[in-house]
Amino acid sequence: MLPVLKRLNPRIIETLAAEATLLRDENDAVEAYLGTLTETGVTQTGDAISVKRDLFDMLPPAFRRRLLRQLVNRTDVDASLLSLGQIDDALSFMLSTQTGRTMHLPHSLAITREYDRFILGMQKETEAFSCTLTVPGTTEVPRLGLEVVTTIADNRSSAQEDAIYLWQAEFDYDKIQPLLTLRSRRAGDWFCPAGMGGRSKKLQDYFVDEKVPRRKRDTVPLLCAGEHVLWVVGLRTDERFLAGSGTKKVLVVQVKQLSR
């Protein structure tokens, strides 16, 4: 095409070169600006990429489009595989969707709104889990990368504390059914969160109130005795089963990082 263009503009090559230089400089400026923003507004944990919603909302449309493509490229998907229409549909979703909603994109990508941020990552099926605990003893839960150590003490003062645990809780052993399990949530789960005066609460409602992201709710381990939820591990115990001044036998449950 250049011979034809030269007849219209003898200096077409110089003109195109100058335009290319301008576009390259502007591209470098956009990349530098987005790089500064993503240092504080974008985090990645494993294959889940998180971007703050207020950061995304403040950007002009062209910058949002560029940022989304950058984030897609951090996954296992090449952003060039997504059409302009698919990118723009995703941007519209991010601007208008409510907390907890998910948009599924081609190539197993998904975008989820979680309160003050968006999560971009590959879609994964979360399998239910259940593990019977040894009492007293140690039970490894490789699926979660955890081990659970249970001990029985005569009273609270004789219960030993291990400095390397992630979470610990103490229960009245005489109030608990002997079979203890660590499992994922099930429909209809409820408990009486400590500090609520014995009032019951559906686990689903508790997760919402505590702003536990929907994608994480199926991975939160529950310590259970029979059908009773004793402990939403790392979050809240059930007040009915806690050790108190009148407790004769204390069940100490420590949750640790799996050592191997």
C-alpha atoms as a PDB file:
ATOM      1  CA  MET A   1       0.000   0.000   0.000  1.00  0.00           C
ATOM      2  CA  LEU A   2       2.932   2.348   0.527  1.00  0.00           C
ATOM      3  CA  PRO A   3       3.398   3.288  -3.170  1.00  0.00           C
ATOM      4  CA  VAL A   4      -0.251   4.386  -3.303  1.00  0.00           C
ATOM      5  CA  LEU A   5       0.055   6.262  -0.005  1.00  0.00           C
ATOM      6  CA  LYS A   6       3.239   7.997  -1.181  1.00  0.00           C
ATOM      7  CA  ARG A   7       1.331   9.515  -4.100  1.00  0.00           C
ATOM      8  CA  LEU A   8      -1.104  11.001  -1.574  1.00  0.00           C
ATOM      9  CA  ASN A   9       1.606  11.976   0.909  1.00  0.00           C
ATOM     10  CA  PRO A  10       5.261  11.851  -0.177  1.00  0.00           C
ATOM     11  CA  ARG A  11       6.317  11.865   3.488  1.00  0.00           C
ATOM     12  CA  ILE A  12       4.009   9.013   4.544  1.00  0.00           C
ATOM     13  CA  ILE A  13       6.877   6.907   5.958  1.00  0.00           C
ATOM     14  CA  GLU A  14       8.063   9.748   8.216  1.00  0.00           C
ATOM     15  CA  THR A  15       4.451  10.413   9.262  1.00  0.00           C
ATOM     16  CA  LEU A  16       3.810   6.767  10.172  1.00  0.00           C
ATOM     17  CA  ALA A  17       7.113   6.562  12.049  1.00  0.00           C
ATOM     18  CA  ALA A  18       6.228   9.666  14.073  1.00  0.00           C
ATOM     19  CA  GLU A  19       2.784   8.245  14.895  1.00  0.00           C
ATOM     20  CA  ALA A  20       4.354   4.948  15.945  1.00  0.00           C
ATOM     21  CA  THR A  21       6.699   6.826  18.293  1.00  0.00           C
ATOM     22  CA  LEU A  22       3.776   8.706  19.845  1.00  0.00           C
ATOM     23  CA  LEU A  23       1.759   5.526  20.316  1.00  0.00           C
ATOM     24  CA  ARG A  24       4.743   3.739  21.844  1.00  0.00           C
ATOM     25  CA  ASP A  25       5.333   6.600  24.308  1.00  0.00           C
ATOM     26  CA  GLU A  26       1.647   6.703  25.243  1.00  0.00           C
ATOM     27  CA  ASN A  27       1.563   2.923  25.686  1.00  0.00           C
ATOM     28  CA  ASP A  28       4.611   3.082  27.978  1.00  0.00           C
ATOM     29  CA  ALA A  29       2.922   5.826  30.020  1.00  0.00           C
ATOM     30  CA  VAL A  30      -0.297   3.785  30.415  1.00  0.00           C
ATOM     31  CA  GLU A  31       1.683   0.682  31.427  1.00  0.00           C
ATOM     32  CA  ALA A  32       3.700   2.660  33.980  1.00  0.00           C
ATOM     33  CA  TYR A  33       0.548   4.216  35.463  1.00  0.00           C
ATOM     34  CA  LEU A  34      -1.245   0.874  35.742  1.00  0.00           C
ATOM     35  CA  GLY A  35       1.897  -0.682  37.193  1.00  0.00           C
ATOM     36  CA  THR A  36       1.868   1.888  40.004  1.00  0.00           C
ATOM     37  CA  LEU A  37      -1.801   1.241  40.736  1.00  0.00           C
ATOM     38  CA  THR A  38      -1.488  -2.538  40.738  1.00  0.00           C
ATOM     39  CA  GLU A  39       1.310  -2.445  43.312  1.00  0.00           C
ATOM     40  CA  THR A  40      -1.258  -1.504  45.955  1.00  0.00           C
ATOM     41  CA  GLY A  41      -4.581  -2.435  44.378  1.00  0.00           C
ATOM     42  CA  VAL A  42      -3.920  -5.903  42.939  1.00  0.00           C
ATOM     43  CA  THR A  43      -2.812  -8.986  44.854  1.00  0.00           C
ATOM     44  CA  GLN A  44      -2.437 -12.615  43.851  1.00  0.00           C
ATOM     45  CA  THR A  45      -2.789 -15.645  46.093  1.00  0.00           C
ATOM     46  CA  GLY A  46      -2.174 -18.865  44.252  1.00  0.00           C
ATOM     47  CA  ASP A  47      -4.172 -18.623  41.035  1.00  0.00           C
ATOM     48  CA  ALA A  48      -6.713 -16.116  42.424  1.00  0.00           C
ATOM     49  CA  ILE A  49      -6.118 -12.486  41.444  1.00  0.00           C
ATOM     50  CA  SER A  50      -7.773  -9.783  43.537  1.00  0.00           C
ATOM     51  CA  VAL A  51      -8.340  -6.186  42.415  1.00  0.00           C
ATOM     52  CA  LYS A  52      -9.827  -3.474  44.617  1.00  0.00           C
ATOM     53  CA  ARG A  53     -13.195  -2.288  43.376  1.00  0.00           C
ATOM     54  CA  ASP A  54     -12.598   1.408  44.110  1.00  0.00           C
ATOM     55  CA  LEU A  55      -9.373   1.298  42.079  1.00  0.00           C
ATOM     56  CA  PHE A  56     -11.173  -0.298  39.149  1.00  0.00           C
ATOM     57  CA  ASP A  57     -14.088   2.153  39.291  1.00  0.00           C
ATOM     58  CA  MET A  58     -11.844   5.230  39.167  1.00  0.00           C
ATOM     59  CA  LEU A  59     -10.165   4.229  35.906  1.00  0.00           C
ATOM     60  CA  PRO A  60     -11.274   5.514  32.480  1.00  0.00           C
ATOM     61  CA  PRO A  61     -12.791   2.800  30.246  1.00  0.00           C
ATOM     62  CA  ALA A  62      -9.622   2.332  28.175  1.00  0.00           C
ATOM     63  CA  PHE A  63      -7.556   1.823  31.324  1.00  0.00           C
ATOM     64  CA  ARG A  64     -10.088  -0.671  32.736  1.00  0.00           C
ATOM     65  CA  ARG A  65      -9.888  -2.653  29.504  1.00  0.00           C
ATOM     66  CA  ARG A  66      -6.095  -2.642  29.603  1.00  0.00           C
ATOM     67  CA  LEU A  67      -6.030  -3.648  33.275  1.00  0.00           C
ATOM     68  CA  LEU A  68      -8.442  -6.534  32.735  1.00  0.00           C
ATOM     69  CA  ARG A  69      -6.328  -7.873  29.887  1.00  0.00           C
ATOM     70  CA  GLN A  70      -3.241  -7.637  32.107  1.00  0.00           C
ATOM     71  CA  LEU A  71      -4.984  -9.606  34.836  1.00  0.00           C
ATOM     72  CA  VAL A  72      -6.167 -12.278  32.402  1.00  0.00           C
ATOM     73  CA  ASN A  73      -2.581 -12.681  31.208  1.00  0.00           C
ATOM     74  CA  ARG A  74      -1.565 -13.508  34.790  1.00  0.00           C
ATOM     75  CA  THR A  75      -3.776 -16.605  34.641  1.00  0.00           C
ATOM     76  CA  ASP A  76      -3.313 -19.628  32.382  1.00  0.00           C
ATOM     77  CA  VAL A  77      -5.277 -17.857  29.636  1.00  0.00           C
ATOM     78  CA  ASP A  78      -3.871 -15.605  26.914  1.00  0.00           C
ATOM     79  CA  ALA A  79      -5.943 -12.404  26.913  1.00  0.00           C
ATOM     80  CA  SER A  80      -5.791 -12.307  23.113  1.00  0.00           C
ATOM     81  CA  LEU A  81      -8.148 -15.316  23.108  1.00  0.00           C
ATOM     82  CA  LEU A  82     -10.933 -13.102  24.464  1.00  0.00           C
ATOM     83  CA  SER A  83     -12.796 -10.943  21.981  1.00  0.00           C
ATOM     84  CA  LEU A  84     -13.413  -7.229  22.464  1.00  0.00           C
ATOM     85  CA  GLY A  85     -17.079  -8.023  23.091  1.00  0.00           C
ATOM     86  CA  GLN A  86     -16.222 -10.540  25.810  1.00  0.00           C
ATOM     87  CA  ILE A  87     -13.874  -8.080  27.498  1.00  0.00           C
ATOM     88  CA  ASP A  88     -16.476  -5.316  27.381  1.00  0.00           C
ATOM     89  CA  ASP A  89     -19.165  -7.659  28.755  1.00  0.00           C
ATOM     90  CA  ALA A  90     -16.837  -8.457  31.651  1.00  0.00           C
ATOM     91  CA  LEU A  91     -16.217  -4.756  32.290  1.00  0.00           C
ATOM     92  CA  SER A  92     -19.967  -4.052  32.334  1.00  0.00           C
ATOM     93  CA  PHE A  93     -20.451  -6.886  34.803  1.00  0.00           C
ATOM     94  CA  MET A  94     -17.725  -5.505  37.086  1.00  0.00           C
ATOM     95  CA  LEU A  95     -19.287  -2.042  37.068  1.00  0.00           C
ATOM     96  CA  SER A  96     -22.821  -3.120  37.931  1.00  0.00           C
ATOM     97  CA  THR A  97     -22.879  -6.493  39.690  1.00  0.00           C
ATOM     98  CA  GLN A  98     -23.769  -7.159  43.314  1.00  0.00           C
ATOM     99  CA  THR A  99     -21.637  -8.840  45.953  1.00  0.00           C
ATOM    100  CA  GLY A 100     -21.440 -12.614  45.569  1.00  0.00           C
ATOM    101  CA  ARG A 101     -22.235 -12.696  41.830  1.00  0.00           C
ATOM    102  CA  THR A 102     -19.957 -14.537  39.396  1.00  0.00           C
ATOM    103  CA  MET A 103     -19.501 -14.142  35.646  1.00  0.00           C
ATOM    104  CA  HIS A 104     -18.156 -17.104  33.686  1.00  0.00           C
ATOM    105  CA  LEU A 105     -15.879 -16.315  30.759  1.00  0.00           C
ATOM    106  CA  PRO A 106     -14.524 -18.606  28.027  1.00  0.00           C
ATOM    107  CA  HIS A 107     -11.529 -20.851  28.752  1.00  0.00           C
ATOM    108  CA  SER A 108     -12.747 -21.621  32.319  1.00  0.00           C
ATOM    109  CA  LEU A 109     -12.169 -18.073  33.577  1.00  0.00           C
ATOM    110  CA  ALA A 110     -14.471 -16.512  36.182  1.00  0.00           C
ATOM    111  CA  ILE A 111     -14.861 -13.085  37.784  1.00  0.00           C
ATOM    112  CA  THR A 112     -16.514 -12.823  41.211  1.00  0.00           C
ATOM    113  CA  ARG A 113     -17.544  -9.709  43.143  1.00  0.00           C
ATOM    114  CA  GLU A 114     -16.566 -10.014  46.807  1.00  0.00           C
ATOM    115  CA  TYR A 115     -17.588  -6.982  48.856  1.00  0.00           C
ATOM    116  CA  ASP A 116     -14.851  -4.411  48.110  1.00  0.00           C
ATOM    117  CA  ARG A 117     -12.974  -6.356  45.449  1.00  0.00           C
ATOM    118  CA  PHE A 118     -13.152  -8.572  42.378  1.00  0.00           C
ATOM    119  CA  ILE A 119     -11.559 -12.009  42.137  1.00  0.00           C
ATOM    120  CA  LEU A 120     -10.366 -13.281  38.775  1.00  0.00           C
ATOM    121  CA  GLY A 121      -9.251 -16.864  38.372  1.00  0.00           C
ATOM    122  CA  MET A 122      -9.821 -20.278  36.892  1.00  0.00           C
ATOM    123  CA  GLN A 123     -13.092 -22.023  37.740  1.00  0.00           C
ATOM    124  CA  LYS A 124     -12.669 -24.920  40.151  1.00  0.00           C
ATOM    125  CA  GLU A 125     -15.027 -27.492  41.558  1.00  0.00           C
ATOM    126  CA  THR A 126     -14.898 -27.613  45.367  1.00  0.00           C
ATOM    127  CA  GLU A 127     -15.355 -31.132  46.705  1.00  0.00           C
ATOM    128  CA  ALA A 128     -16.917 -31.771  50.087  1.00  0.00           C
ATOM    129  CA  PHE A 129     -14.596 -33.252  52.694  1.00  0.00           C
ATOM    130  CA  SER A 130     -15.018 -35.098  55.990  1.00  0.00           C
ATOM    131  CA  CYS A 131     -12.364 -36.607  58.235  1.00  0.00           C
ATOM    132  CA  THR A 132     -12.810 -38.542  61.491  1.00  0.00           C
ATOM    133  CA  LEU A 133     -10.474 -37.275  64.217  1.00  0.00           C
ATOM    134  CA  THR A 134      -8.444 -39.386  66.617  1.00  0.00           C
ATOM    135  CA  VAL A 135      -9.259 -38.429  70.228  1.00  0.00           C
ATOM    136  CA  PRO A 136      -6.842 -38.068  71.873  1.00  0.00           C
ATOM    137  CA  GLY A 137      -4.201 -38.010  69.160  1.00  0.00           C
ATOM    138  CA  THR A 138      -3.111 -36.409  65.918  1.00  0.00           C
ATOM    139  CA  THR A 139      -4.997 -36.522  62.621  1.00  0.00           C
ATOM    140  CA  GLU A 140      -3.525 -35.302  59.342  1.00  0.00           C
ATOM    141  CA  VAL A 141      -5.822 -33.616  56.847  1.00  0.00           C
ATOM    142  CA  PRO A 142      -3.682 -33.382  53.667  1.00  0.00           C
ATOM    143  CA  ARG A 143      -6.590 -32.007  51.657  1.00  0.00           C
ATOM    144  CA  LEU A 144      -6.433 -28.807  53.752  1.00  0.00           C
ATOM    145  CA  GLY A 145      -2.707 -28.901  54.546  1.00  0.00           C
ATOM    146  CA  LEU A 146      -3.573 -29.168  58.258  1.00  0.00           C
ATOM    147  CA  GLU A 147      -3.151 -31.493  61.193  1.00  0.00           C
ATOM    148  CA  VAL A 148      -5.468 -31.595  64.184  1.00  0.00           C
ATOM    149  CA  VAL A 149      -4.126 -32.450  67.643  1.00  0.00           C
ATOM    150  CA  THR A 150      -6.611 -33.367  70.368  1.00  0.00           C
ATOM    151  CA  THR A 151      -5.801 -33.831  74.045  1.00  0.00           C
ATOM    152  CA  ILE A 152      -7.944 -34.443  77.117  1.00  0.00           C
ATOM    153  CA  ALA A 153      -7.043 -32.666  80.370  1.00  0.00           C
ATOM    154  CA  ASP A 154      -8.578 -32.979  83.843  1.00  0.00           C
ATOM    155  CA  ASN A 155      -9.277 -29.238  83.984  1.00  0.00           C
ATOM    156  CA  ARG A 156      -8.471 -25.991  82.178  1.00  0.00           C
ATOM    157  CA  SER A 157      -5.393 -25.264  84.286  1.00  0.00           C
ATOM    158  CA  SER A 158      -3.766 -28.555  83.248  1.00  0.00           C
ATOM    159  CA  ALA A 159      -4.442 -28.073  79.533  1.00  0.00           C
ATOM    160  CA  GLN A 160      -1.121 -27.538  77.751  1.00  0.00           C
ATOM    161  CA  GLU A 161      -0.641 -24.921  75.085  1.00  0.00           C
ATOM    162  CA  ASP A 162       1.517 -25.413  71.999  1.00  0.00           C
ATOM    163  CA  ALA A 163       3.040 -22.232  70.588  1.00  0.00           C
ATOM    164  CA  ILE A 164       3.010 -23.418  66.975  1.00  0.00           C
ATOM    165  CA  TYR A 165      -0.697 -23.973  66.462  1.00  0.00           C
ATOM    166  CA  LEU A 166      -2.745 -21.846  64.077  1.00  0.00           C
ATOM    167  CA  TRP A 167      -5.946 -22.050  66.127  1.00  0.00           C
ATOM    168  CA  GLN A 168      -6.924 -23.568  69.456  1.00  0.00           C
ATOM    169  CA  ALA A 169     -10.214 -24.101  71.241  1.00  0.00           C
ATOM    170  CA  GLU A 170     -11.228 -25.807  74.488  1.00  0.00           C
ATOM    171  CA  PHE A 171     -14.467 -27.699  75.007  1.00  0.00           C
ATOM    172  CA  ASP A 172     -16.286 -29.484  77.800  1.00  0.00           C
ATOM    173  CA  TYR A 173     -15.589 -33.107  76.903  1.00  0.00           C
ATOM    174  CA  ASP A 174     -18.590 -34.436  78.816  1.00  0.00           C
ATOM    175  CA  LYS A 175     -20.971 -32.400  76.636  1.00  0.00           C
ATOM    176  CA  ILE A 176     -19.623 -33.804  73.375  1.00  0.00           C
ATOM    177  CA  GLN A 177     -20.520 -36.955  71.507  1.00  0.00           C
ATOM    178  CA  PRO A 178     -17.459 -39.203  71.182  1.00  0.00           C
ATOM    179  CA  LEU A 179     -17.177 -39.130  67.371  1.00  0.00           C
ATOM    180  CA  LEU A 180     -15.430 -35.941  66.246  1.00  0.00           C
ATOM    181  CA  THR A 181     -15.108 -34.979  62.584  1.00  0.00           C
ATOM    182  CA  LEU A 182     -13.580 -32.162  60.607  1.00  0.00           C
ATOM    183  CA  ARG A 183     -15.739 -31.495  57.583  1.00  0.00           C
ATOM    184  CA  SER A 184     -16.975 -28.927  55.093  1.00  0.00           C
ATOM    185  CA  ARG A 185     -20.331 -27.195  55.490  1.00  0.00           C
ATOM    186  CA  ARG A 186     -23.643 -28.826  54.673  1.00  0.00           C
ATOM    187  CA  ALA A 187     -27.074 -27.443  53.928  1.00  0.00           C
ATOM    188  CA  GLY A 188     -28.889 -26.618  57.139  1.00  0.00           C
ATOM    189  CA  ASP A 189     -25.803 -26.254  59.357  1.00  0.00           C
ATOM    190  CA  TRP A 190     -26.283 -23.965  62.354  1.00  0.00           C
ATOM    191  CA  PHE A 191     -24.609 -23.251  65.678  1.00  0.00           C
ATOM    192  CA  CYS A 192     -24.753 -20.909  68.686  1.00  0.00           C
ATOM    193  CA  PRO A 193     -21.868 -18.461  68.196  1.00  0.00           C
ATOM    194  CA  ALA A 194     -19.980 -17.677  71.409  1.00  0.00           C
ATOM    195  CA  GLY A 195     -20.875 -14.256  72.750  1.00  0.00           C
ATOM    196  CA  MET A 196     -24.453 -14.278  71.453  1.00  0.00           C
ATOM    197  CA  GLY A 197     -26.098 -15.447  74.669  1.00  0.00           C
ATOM    198  CA  GLY A 198     -26.908 -18.905  73.354  1.00  0.00           C
ATOM    199  CA  ARG A 199     -28.855 -17.676  70.319  1.00  0.00           C
ATOM    200  CA  SER A 200     -28.611 -19.927  67.287  1.00  0.00           C
ATOM    201  CA  LYS A 201     -27.558 -18.789  63.837  1.00  0.00           C
ATOM    202  CA  LYS A 202     -27.536 -20.458  60.457  1.00  0.00           C
ATOM    203  CA  LEU A 203     -24.001 -20.998  59.242  1.00  0.00           C
ATOM    204  CA  GLN A 204     -24.876 -19.388  55.908  1.00  0.00           C
ATOM    205  CA  ASP A 205     -26.051 -16.231  57.686  1.00  0.00           C
ATOM    206  CA  TYR A 206     -22.960 -16.215  59.880  1.00  0.00           C
ATOM    207  CA  PHE A 207     -20.692 -16.347  56.813  1.00  0.00           C
ATOM    208  CA  VAL A 208     -22.581 -13.445  55.253  1.00  0.00           C
ATOM    209  CA  ASP A 209     -22.386 -11.361  58.437  1.00  0.00           C
ATOM    210  CA  GLU A 210     -18.667 -12.063  58.793  1.00  0.00           C
ATOM    211  CA  LYS A 211     -18.103 -11.277  55.105  1.00  0.00           C
ATOM    212  CA  VAL A 212     -16.518 -14.642  54.374  1.00  0.00           C
ATOM    213  CA  PRO A 213     -16.130 -14.725  50.555  1.00  0.00           C
ATOM    214  CA  ARG A 214     -18.486 -17.169  48.896  1.00  0.00           C
ATOM    215  CA  ARG A 215     -15.645 -18.973  47.117  1.00  0.00           C
ATOM    216  CA  LYS A 216     -14.027 -19.752  50.498  1.00  0.00           C
ATOM    217  CA  ARG A 217     -17.070 -20.939  52.421  1.00  0.00           C
ATOM    218  CA  ASP A 218     -16.813 -24.537  51.210  1.00  0.00           C
ATOM    219  CA  THR A 219     -13.188 -24.704  52.362  1.00  0.00           C
ATOM    220  CA  VAL A 220     -13.727 -23.458  55.942  1.00  0.00           C
ATOM    221  CA  PRO A 221     -13.316 -26.539  58.187  1.00  0.00           C
ATOM    222  CA  LEU A 222     -15.998 -27.274  60.772  1.00  0.00           C
ATOM    223  CA  LEU A 223     -15.245 -29.232  63.924  1.00  0.00           C
ATOM    224  CA  CYS A 224     -18.330 -31.352  64.550  1.00  0.00           C
ATOM    225  CA  ALA A 225     -19.574 -33.865  67.105  1.00  0.00           C
ATOM    226  CA  GLY A 226     -22.336 -35.802  65.449  1.00  0.00           C
ATOM    227  CA  GLU A 227     -24.597 -33.205  63.836  1.00  0.00           C
ATOM    228  CA  HIS A 228     -23.468 -30.404  66.153  1.00  0.00           C
ATOM    229  CA  VAL A 229     -21.027 -27.768  64.879  1.00  0.00           C
ATOM    230  CA  LEU A 230     -18.623 -27.136  67.759  1.00  0.00           C
ATOM    231  CA  TRP A 231     -16.301 -24.745  65.987  1.00  0.00           C
ATOM    232  CA  VAL A 232     -16.150 -22.850  62.731  1.00  0.00           C
ATOM    233  CA  VAL A 233     -12.402 -23.277  62.758  1.00  0.00           C
ATOM    234  CA  GLY A 234     -10.483 -20.040  62.898  1.00  0.00           C
ATOM    235  CA  LEU A 235     -13.668 -18.003  63.340  1.00  0.00           C
ATOM    236  CA  ARG A 236     -16.093 -18.831  66.164  1.00  0.00           C
ATOM    237  CA  THR A 237     -16.900 -21.628  68.617  1.00  0.00           C
ATOM    238  CA  ASP A 238     -20.330 -22.820  69.748  1.00  0.00           C
ATOM    239  CA  GLU A 239     -21.016 -21.389  73.205  1.00  0.00           C
ATOM    240  CA  ARG A 240     -22.926 -24.485  74.382  1.00  0.00           C
ATOM    241  CA  PHE A 241     -19.870 -26.745  74.341  1.00  0.00           C
ATOM    242  CA  LEU A 242     -17.137 -24.465  75.677  1.00  0.00           C
ATOM    243  CA  ALA A 243     -15.118 -25.410  78.744  1.00  0.00           C
ATOM    244  CA  GLY A 244     -16.039 -23.435  81.856  1.00  0.00           C
ATOM    245  CA  SER A 245     -15.414 -23.282  85.575  1.00  0.00           C
ATOM    246  CA  GLY A 246     -17.477 -26.414  86.185  1.00  0.00           C
ATOM    247  CA  THR A 247     -15.809 -28.485  83.475  1.00  0.00           C
ATOM    248  CA  LYS A 248     -14.277 -31.766  84.696  1.00  0.00           C
ATOM    249  CA  LYS A 249     -12.640 -32.905  81.451  1.00  0.00           C
ATOM    250  CA  VAL A 250     -11.328 -30.422  78.891  1.00  0.00           C
ATOM    251  CA  LEU A 251     -10.978 -31.345  75.246  1.00  0.00           C
ATOM    252  CA  VAL A 252      -8.224 -29.199  73.737  1.00  0.00           C
ATOM    253  CA  VAL A 253      -8.233 -28.997  69.956  1.00  0.00           C
ATOM    254  CA  GLN A 254      -5.232 -27.473  68.178  1.00  0.00           C
ATOM    255  CA  VAL A 255      -5.120 -26.954  64.439  1.00  0.00           C
ATOM    256  CA  LYS A 256      -1.636 -26.712  62.930  1.00  0.00           C
ATOM    257  CA  GLN A 257      -0.023 -26.402  59.531  1.00  0.00           C
ATOM    258  CA  LEU A 258       0.832 -29.825  58.196  1.00  0.00           C
ATOM    259  CA  SER A 259       4.558 -30.262  58.781  1.00  0.00           C
ATOM    260  CA  ARG A 260       5.299 -32.192  55.621  1.00  0.00           C
END
